Amino acid sequence: MHKTIGKTTKDILSLKVMTFTLMIGISSILIWVAILWSYWEEFEGLVTSYLSWVPWEWAKDTVAYISAPLVGYSMIIITISILTSIFSEYLLISLAKKHYPEHDKIYSVSIISSIVVTIKSIGLFIVLFIVLFPFTFIPILGQVLMLYIWSILLKAPTVHDVGGLFIEDKKILKKRDKKSTLIAMMASLFNYIPILNIFAPIYAQIMFLHHILGYPSSSKS
């Protein structure tokens, strides 16, 4: 795993990956800055209306003050995940050819199926975020929960988009995606650092690429 992390980190720092990531990240941030700037009061009111479980009015105001930016931040993370999933194919193929020239089998991944998988992950993310949100304010437990919830955005789309490009046999892919949760959670650590969070989805994808193509006898699959 440490070799996979090393290769992924080197790729992330390359000009090609940095350029791609910045374009996706800046676009996502600008989209939500424009939306929230125009509709902040309505957005804050929506978040506050959910906080009826908070028993004290003063506490509700405090939680709302923290929660509204957190939800907005999560919307940016979701958008980055969507755009990365849609537009990263050529970048991943380029990296695969660079590191694993012996693996010459490239398959097609349907954009529609990619979007469907991403939407399902977003749906699960939203449900768990709403249900578990009160627990995210508990020290340590809250941070671990948030990390796991963020990882859900990355896991299934990463396995689908990256695995589908390079492995046609679903049984082989299933065998090699055992560490996909760990990879998604490691990549989700970027979400704790604003600005660096734009690297989370592509880091997960590149890390999974190295994981499956660096697997013994991967070129034969």
Protein backbone atom coordinates (compact mmCIF):
# COMPACT_ATOMS: atom_id res chain seq x y z
CA MET A 1 0.00 0.00 0.00
CA HIS A 2 2.85 2.43 0.77
CA LYS A 3 4.10 2.08 -2.85
CA THR A 4 0.62 2.84 -4.12
CA ILE A 5 0.45 5.96 -1.94
CA GLY A 6 3.90 7.07 -3.14
CA LYS A 7 3.00 6.68 -6.82
CA THR A 8 -0.34 8.42 -6.33
CA THR A 9 1.25 11.38 -4.55
CA LYS A 10 3.82 11.80 -7.34
CA ASP A 11 1.03 11.75 -9.94
CA ILE A 12 -1.03 14.28 -8.00
CA LEU A 13 1.91 16.70 -8.06
CA SER A 14 2.34 16.41 -11.84
CA LEU A 15 1.34 19.38 -14.01
CA LYS A 16 -1.29 17.40 -15.93
CA VAL A 17 -3.11 16.24 -12.79
CA MET A 18 -2.74 19.59 -11.03
CA THR A 19 -4.23 21.41 -14.03
CA PHE A 20 -7.17 18.99 -14.25
CA THR A 21 -7.83 19.18 -10.50
CA LEU A 22 -7.66 22.97 -10.36
CA MET A 23 -10.08 23.31 -13.29
CA ILE A 24 -12.58 20.96 -11.63
CA GLY A 25 -12.10 22.47 -8.17
CA ILE A 26 -12.30 26.12 -9.17
CA SER A 27 -15.37 25.45 -11.35
CA SER A 28 -17.16 23.70 -8.46
CA ILE A 29 -16.29 26.41 -5.96
CA LEU A 30 -17.43 29.21 -8.31
CA ILE A 31 -20.73 27.43 -8.99
CA TRP A 32 -21.59 27.21 -5.28
CA VAL A 33 -20.24 30.63 -4.37
CA ALA A 34 -22.58 32.09 -6.99
CA ILE A 35 -25.55 30.03 -5.75
CA LEU A 36 -24.99 30.64 -2.05
CA TRP A 37 -24.18 34.32 -2.56
CA SER A 38 -27.55 34.78 -4.28
CA TYR A 39 -29.65 32.55 -2.02
CA TRP A 40 -27.82 32.48 1.30
CA GLU A 41 -30.80 33.54 3.45
CA GLU A 42 -33.03 30.88 1.89
CA PHE A 43 -30.29 28.27 2.21
CA GLU A 44 -29.62 29.16 5.85
CA GLY A 45 -33.36 29.06 6.56
CA LEU A 46 -33.59 25.58 5.04
CA VAL A 47 -30.73 24.33 7.20
CA THR A 48 -32.19 25.97 10.30
CA SER A 49 -35.60 24.37 9.70
CA TYR A 50 -33.94 20.94 9.89
CA LEU A 51 -32.47 21.77 13.30
CA SER A 52 -35.77 21.42 15.16
CA TRP A 53 -34.16 18.60 17.17
CA VAL A 54 -32.01 21.19 18.98
CA PRO A 55 -33.89 21.92 22.26
CA TRP A 56 -32.63 25.44 23.03
CA GLU A 57 -33.08 28.46 20.77
CA TRP A 58 -29.62 29.87 21.54
CA ALA A 59 -28.07 26.47 20.74
CA LYS A 60 -30.07 26.23 17.52
CA ASP A 61 -28.66 29.59 16.36
CA THR A 62 -25.14 28.46 17.19
CA VAL A 63 -25.51 25.11 15.44
CA ALA A 64 -27.10 26.81 12.41
CA TYR A 65 -24.18 29.23 12.25
CA ILE A 66 -21.82 26.25 12.00
CA SER A 67 -24.06 23.94 9.99
CA ALA A 68 -24.95 26.17 7.05
CA PRO A 69 -21.30 26.63 5.92
CA LEU A 70 -20.67 22.89 6.52
CA VAL A 71 -23.60 21.92 4.29
CA GLY A 72 -22.46 24.41 1.65
CA TYR A 73 -18.95 22.95 1.85
CA SER A 74 -20.41 19.47 1.38
CA MET A 75 -22.24 20.66 -1.74
CA ILE A 76 -18.90 21.76 -3.18
CA ILE A 77 -17.41 18.35 -2.37
CA ILE A 78 -20.34 16.61 -4.09
CA THR A 79 -19.93 18.76 -7.20
CA ILE A 80 -16.19 18.08 -7.37
CA SER A 81 -16.93 14.34 -7.13
CA ILE A 82 -19.48 14.51 -9.96
CA LEU A 83 -17.26 16.51 -12.33
CA THR A 84 -14.22 14.35 -11.59
CA SER A 85 -16.22 11.20 -12.28
CA ILE A 86 -17.44 12.56 -15.63
CA PHE A 87 -14.22 14.09 -16.97
CA SER A 88 -11.32 12.03 -15.58
CA GLU A 89 -11.31 9.15 -18.11
CA TYR A 90 -8.62 10.48 -20.47
CA LEU A 91 -6.39 11.49 -17.57
CA LEU A 92 -6.63 8.01 -16.05
CA ILE A 93 -5.86 6.35 -19.38
CA SER A 94 -2.85 8.61 -19.81
CA LEU A 95 -1.52 7.68 -16.35
CA ALA A 96 -2.14 3.98 -16.99
CA LYS A 97 -0.15 4.11 -20.25
CA LYS A 98 2.66 5.93 -18.47
CA HIS A 99 3.00 3.56 -15.51
CA TYR A 100 1.67 0.28 -16.94
CA PRO A 101 2.43 0.17 -20.69
CA GLU A 102 2.11 -3.62 -20.59
CA HIS A 103 -1.56 -3.26 -19.71
CA ASP A 104 -2.94 -2.45 -23.17
CA LYS A 105 -6.57 -3.33 -22.56
CA ILE A 106 -8.74 -0.23 -22.21
CA TYR A 107 -12.50 -0.61 -22.00
CA SER A 108 -15.34 1.86 -22.36
CA VAL A 109 -17.26 3.18 -19.37
CA SER A 110 -20.70 4.56 -20.12
CA ILE A 111 -21.15 8.16 -19.00
CA ILE A 112 -24.79 7.37 -18.21
CA SER A 113 -23.89 4.44 -15.94
CA SER A 114 -21.17 6.56 -14.34
CA ILE A 115 -23.68 9.31 -13.58
CA VAL A 116 -26.19 6.76 -12.21
CA VAL A 117 -23.58 5.26 -9.86
CA THR A 118 -22.53 8.74 -8.74
CA ILE A 119 -26.14 9.81 -8.11
CA LYS A 120 -26.77 6.67 -6.03
CA SER A 121 -23.69 7.45 -3.94
CA ILE A 122 -24.85 11.04 -3.51
CA GLY A 123 -28.29 9.80 -2.43
CA LEU A 124 -26.77 7.50 0.18
CA PHE A 125 -24.45 10.32 1.29
CA ILE A 126 -27.36 12.72 1.75
CA VAL A 127 -29.46 10.20 3.70
CA LEU A 128 -26.60 9.31 6.05
CA PHE A 129 -25.60 12.97 6.37
CA ILE A 130 -29.12 13.95 7.46
CA VAL A 131 -29.56 10.98 9.81
CA LEU A 132 -26.10 11.13 11.40
CA PHE A 133 -25.64 14.90 11.34
CA PRO A 134 -26.39 15.40 15.08
CA PHE A 135 -23.59 12.94 15.92
CA THR A 136 -21.01 14.87 13.88
CA PHE A 137 -20.76 17.37 16.75
CA ILE A 138 -19.43 14.68 19.11
CA PRO A 139 -15.62 15.02 19.35
CA ILE A 140 -13.63 12.26 17.61
CA LEU A 141 -16.74 10.17 16.84
CA GLY A 142 -18.10 13.02 14.73
CA GLN A 143 -14.89 13.35 12.74
CA VAL A 144 -14.74 9.60 12.06
CA LEU A 145 -18.39 9.55 11.01
CA MET A 146 -17.88 12.50 8.67
CA LEU A 147 -14.84 10.82 7.13
CA TYR A 148 -16.88 7.66 6.49
CA ILE A 149 -19.81 9.62 5.04
CA TRP A 150 -17.48 11.53 2.70
CA SER A 151 -15.86 8.25 1.61
CA ILE A 152 -19.25 7.02 0.36
CA LEU A 153 -19.14 9.75 -2.30
CA LEU A 154 -15.89 8.29 -3.61
CA LYS A 155 -16.01 4.52 -3.18
CA ALA A 156 -18.60 3.25 -5.69
CA PRO A 157 -17.90 5.84 -8.44
CA THR A 158 -14.16 5.16 -8.15
CA VAL A 159 -14.57 1.38 -8.45
CA HIS A 160 -17.01 1.81 -11.34
CA ASP A 161 -15.11 4.47 -13.31
CA VAL A 162 -11.54 3.28 -12.78
CA GLY A 163 -12.20 -0.45 -12.55
CA GLY A 164 -14.47 -0.39 -15.58
CA LEU A 165 -11.77 1.23 -17.69
CA PHE A 166 -9.14 -1.43 -17.09
CA ILE A 167 -10.85 -4.63 -15.92
CA GLU A 168 -13.70 -6.20 -17.86
CA ASP A 169 -14.20 -9.27 -15.67
CA LYS A 170 -16.51 -8.28 -12.80
CA LYS A 171 -15.29 -11.18 -10.63
CA ILE A 172 -11.68 -10.02 -10.92
CA LEU A 173 -12.70 -6.43 -10.20
CA LYS A 174 -14.67 -7.52 -7.14
CA LYS A 175 -11.60 -9.40 -5.90
CA ARG A 176 -9.43 -6.30 -6.25
CA ASP A 177 -11.82 -3.72 -4.82
CA LYS A 178 -11.52 -5.06 -1.26
CA LYS A 179 -9.46 -2.05 -0.24
CA SER A 180 -11.73 0.46 -1.97
CA THR A 181 -13.28 1.62 1.33
CA LEU A 182 -9.83 2.25 2.82
CA ILE A 183 -8.72 4.07 -0.33
CA ALA A 184 -11.87 6.23 -0.31
CA MET A 185 -11.43 7.10 3.37
CA MET A 186 -7.75 7.97 2.88
CA ALA A 187 -8.63 10.25 -0.03
CA SER A 188 -11.47 11.79 1.99
CA LEU A 189 -8.93 13.08 4.51
CA PHE A 190 -8.31 15.90 2.02
CA ASN A 191 -11.83 17.14 2.76
CA TYR A 192 -10.69 18.27 6.21
CA ILE A 193 -8.43 20.86 4.58
CA PRO A 194 -10.21 23.53 2.50
CA ILE A 195 -8.70 24.02 -0.97
CA LEU A 196 -6.89 20.68 -0.73
CA ASN A 197 -10.31 19.02 -0.71
CA ILE A 198 -10.43 19.48 -4.49
CA PHE A 199 -7.85 16.67 -4.73
CA ALA A 200 -9.92 14.04 -2.89
CA PRO A 201 -11.83 12.43 -5.81
CA ILE A 202 -8.90 12.32 -8.25
CA TYR A 203 -6.57 11.08 -5.51
CA ALA A 204 -8.99 8.19 -4.85
CA GLN A 205 -9.21 7.39 -8.56
CA ILE A 206 -5.44 7.44 -9.16
CA MET A 207 -4.79 5.45 -6.00
CA PHE A 208 -7.32 2.81 -7.06
CA LEU A 209 -5.75 2.74 -10.54
CA HIS A 210 -2.34 1.92 -9.05
CA HIS A 211 -3.96 -0.59 -6.70
CA ILE A 212 -5.66 -2.63 -9.43
CA LEU A 213 -3.02 -2.30 -12.16
CA GLY A 214 -0.15 -2.86 -9.74
CA TYR A 215 -1.85 -6.03 -8.58
CA PRO A 216 0.14 -9.20 -9.39
CA SER A 217 -0.62 -10.49 -12.90
CA SER A 218 -2.93 -7.52 -13.57
CA SER A 219 -1.72 -7.32 -17.16
CA LYS A 220 -3.23 -10.73 -17.80
CA SER A 221 -6.71 -9.70 -16.68
